[in-house]
Protein backbone atom coordinates (compact mmCIF):
# COMPACT_ATOMS: atom_id res chain seq x y z
CA MET A 1 13.70 -25.67 15.38
CA TYR A 2 16.05 -22.84 16.38
CA MET A 3 19.59 -23.81 17.19
CA ALA A 4 22.30 -21.46 18.37
CA GLY A 5 24.91 -20.90 15.66
CA SER A 6 22.59 -21.91 12.81
CA PRO A 7 22.46 -19.64 9.73
CA SER A 8 18.96 -18.50 10.65
CA ALA A 9 20.22 -17.19 13.98
CA PHE A 10 22.37 -14.58 12.19
CA GLN A 11 19.77 -13.23 9.77
CA GLN A 12 18.64 -9.68 10.31
CA PRO A 13 14.91 -9.03 10.56
CA GLN A 14 13.56 -7.80 7.23
CA GLU A 15 11.55 -4.63 6.83
CA PRO A 16 7.96 -5.11 5.69
CA VAL A 17 7.60 -5.06 1.91
CA GLU A 18 4.86 -2.89 0.42
CA SER A 19 2.28 -4.84 -1.50
CA VAL A 20 2.36 -4.57 -5.30
CA ARG A 21 -1.29 -5.54 -5.54
CA PRO A 22 -3.90 -2.89 -6.24
CA ALA A 23 -5.56 -1.33 -3.24
CA ALA A 24 -8.77 -2.86 -1.97
CA GLY A 25 -11.76 -1.69 -3.98
CA SER A 26 -9.80 -0.94 -7.16
CA ALA A 27 -10.07 -3.70 -9.73
CA HIS A 28 -7.28 -4.68 -12.10
CA VAL A 29 -8.20 -3.93 -15.71
CA PRO A 30 -6.38 -6.08 -18.28
CA GLN A 31 -4.50 -4.11 -20.92
CA ARG A 32 -4.04 -5.22 -24.55
CA THR A 33 -2.26 -3.70 -27.56
CA CYS A 34 -4.13 -2.99 -30.78
CA ILE A 35 -2.36 -4.61 -33.75
CA GLY A 36 -3.41 -1.65 -35.92
CA CYS A 37 -2.43 1.52 -34.08
CA ARG A 38 -0.14 -0.24 -31.54
CA LYS A 39 -1.73 1.66 -28.62
CA LYS A 40 -2.49 -0.04 -25.32
CA ASP A 41 -6.07 0.07 -24.13
CA ASP A 42 -8.42 -1.74 -21.78
CA GLN A 43 -9.31 -5.22 -22.96
CA ALA A 44 -13.01 -4.28 -22.94
CA ALA A 45 -12.39 -1.50 -25.51
CA LEU A 46 -10.76 -3.87 -28.01
CA MET A 47 -12.18 -6.75 -30.02
CA ARG A 48 -10.52 -10.15 -30.04
CA LEU A 49 -9.54 -11.82 -33.28
CA ALA A 50 -8.81 -15.52 -33.63
CA LEU A 51 -7.38 -17.70 -36.37
CA ASP A 52 -9.60 -20.33 -38.00
CA SER A 53 -7.58 -22.83 -40.00
CA GLU A 54 -10.20 -25.48 -40.78
CA ASP A 55 -10.34 -25.74 -44.57
CA GLY A 56 -6.64 -25.35 -45.26
CA SER A 57 -6.66 -21.56 -45.26
CA ASN A 58 -5.96 -19.42 -42.22
CA ALA A 59 -8.90 -17.05 -41.92
CA VAL A 60 -8.95 -14.39 -39.23
CA LEU A 61 -12.35 -14.22 -37.51
CA VAL A 62 -13.86 -11.77 -35.05
CA ASP A 63 -14.22 -13.62 -31.75
CA GLU A 64 -17.29 -11.85 -30.40
CA SER A 65 -17.68 -14.27 -27.47
CA ARG A 66 -13.91 -14.10 -26.72
CA ARG A 67 -13.89 -17.86 -26.21
CA MET A 68 -12.34 -19.26 -29.39
CA SER A 69 -9.31 -21.41 -28.82
CA GLY A 70 -5.84 -20.53 -29.92
CA ARG A 71 -3.72 -17.47 -30.15
CA GLY A 72 -5.65 -14.20 -30.21
CA ALA A 73 -4.98 -10.69 -31.44
CA TRP A 74 -6.65 -7.45 -30.40
CA LEU A 75 -7.93 -4.61 -32.56
CA HIS A 76 -9.88 -1.41 -31.93
CA PRO A 77 -13.31 -1.63 -33.56
CA GLU A 78 -12.45 1.24 -35.90
CA THR A 79 -11.87 1.09 -39.64
CA ALA A 80 -8.70 3.20 -39.32
CA CYS A 81 -7.08 0.57 -37.08
CA LEU A 82 -8.16 -2.20 -39.46
CA ALA A 83 -6.71 -0.35 -42.45
CA THR A 84 -3.44 0.22 -40.59
CA ALA A 85 -3.23 -3.43 -39.55
CA VAL A 86 -3.80 -4.58 -43.15
CA LYS A 87 -1.25 -2.10 -44.48
CA ARG A 88 1.37 -3.13 -41.90
CA ARG A 89 0.61 -6.85 -42.45
CA ALA A 90 0.10 -7.14 -38.71
CA PHE A 91 -2.18 -10.19 -38.88
CA GLY A 92 0.60 -12.53 -40.01
CA ARG A 93 2.90 -11.33 -37.24
CA ALA A 94 0.21 -11.46 -34.56
CA PHE A 95 -0.77 -15.03 -35.39
CA ARG A 96 2.72 -16.17 -36.40
CA ALA A 97 1.27 -17.66 -39.59
CA GLN A 98 -0.13 -16.56 -42.94
CA ALA A 99 -3.52 -15.01 -42.18
CA ASP A 100 -6.34 -13.80 -44.42
CA PRO A 101 -8.13 -10.79 -42.87
CA SER A 102 -10.98 -10.70 -45.42
CA ALA A 103 -13.53 -12.07 -42.92
CA VAL A 104 -12.68 -9.24 -40.52
CA GLN A 105 -13.05 -6.71 -43.34
CA GLN A 106 -16.49 -8.18 -44.15
CA TRP A 107 -17.44 -7.92 -40.47
CA PHE A 108 -16.51 -4.21 -40.47
CA GLU A 109 -18.52 -3.64 -43.68
CA ALA A 110 -21.56 -5.34 -42.12
CA GLN A 111 -21.24 -3.14 -39.02
CA GLU A 112 -21.08 0.00 -41.14
CA ALA A 113 -24.12 -1.07 -43.16
CA GLY A 114 -26.16 -1.02 -39.95
CA PRO A 115 -29.21 -3.04 -39.04
CA THR A 116 -30.89 -4.92 -41.89
CA ARG A 117 -34.33 -5.32 -40.33
CA ASN A 118 -37.25 -2.96 -40.83
CA PRO A 119 -37.09 -0.17 -38.20
CA LEU A 120 -40.91 0.05 -38.15
CA GLU A 121 -41.28 -3.56 -37.13
CA THR A 122 -41.86 -3.61 -33.37
CA VAL A 123 -43.37 -7.04 -32.75
CA GLN A 124 -41.15 -10.08 -33.09
CA PRO A 125 -42.88 -12.82 -35.16
CA GLU A 126 -42.00 -15.53 -32.67
CA SER A 127 -43.47 -13.67 -29.67
CA GLY A 128 -47.04 -14.88 -30.28
CA SER A 129 -48.53 -11.38 -30.15
CA GLU A 130 -48.79 -11.01 -33.93
CA ILE A 131 -52.19 -12.75 -34.00
């Protein structure tokens, strides 16, 4: 309720504040920093890494579904960024613990090796059309 002489009676009207939200139609794209090259990029362009500490050792795993629990780190899917991250010992700093990146290195090697199935095989055995 307004009362004469109250502090609110002496306040000056404020000018409208411009919105800091993105304009309608433009979506916000989350930004992350690569632990290898230290460059910011869209989250979709980076791969998420997570720490798996089940059997006493802290293994860094590639979180392809981006749903693993715990602290995550982000890395470009390029061998140069991986090599830089290993050289800089960035995994330990990113996870704030001793971390073994060998599983990530194996993942990169598997990606470079390419597909392992026969390229001439067109029918999947479980489809039922192989009869």
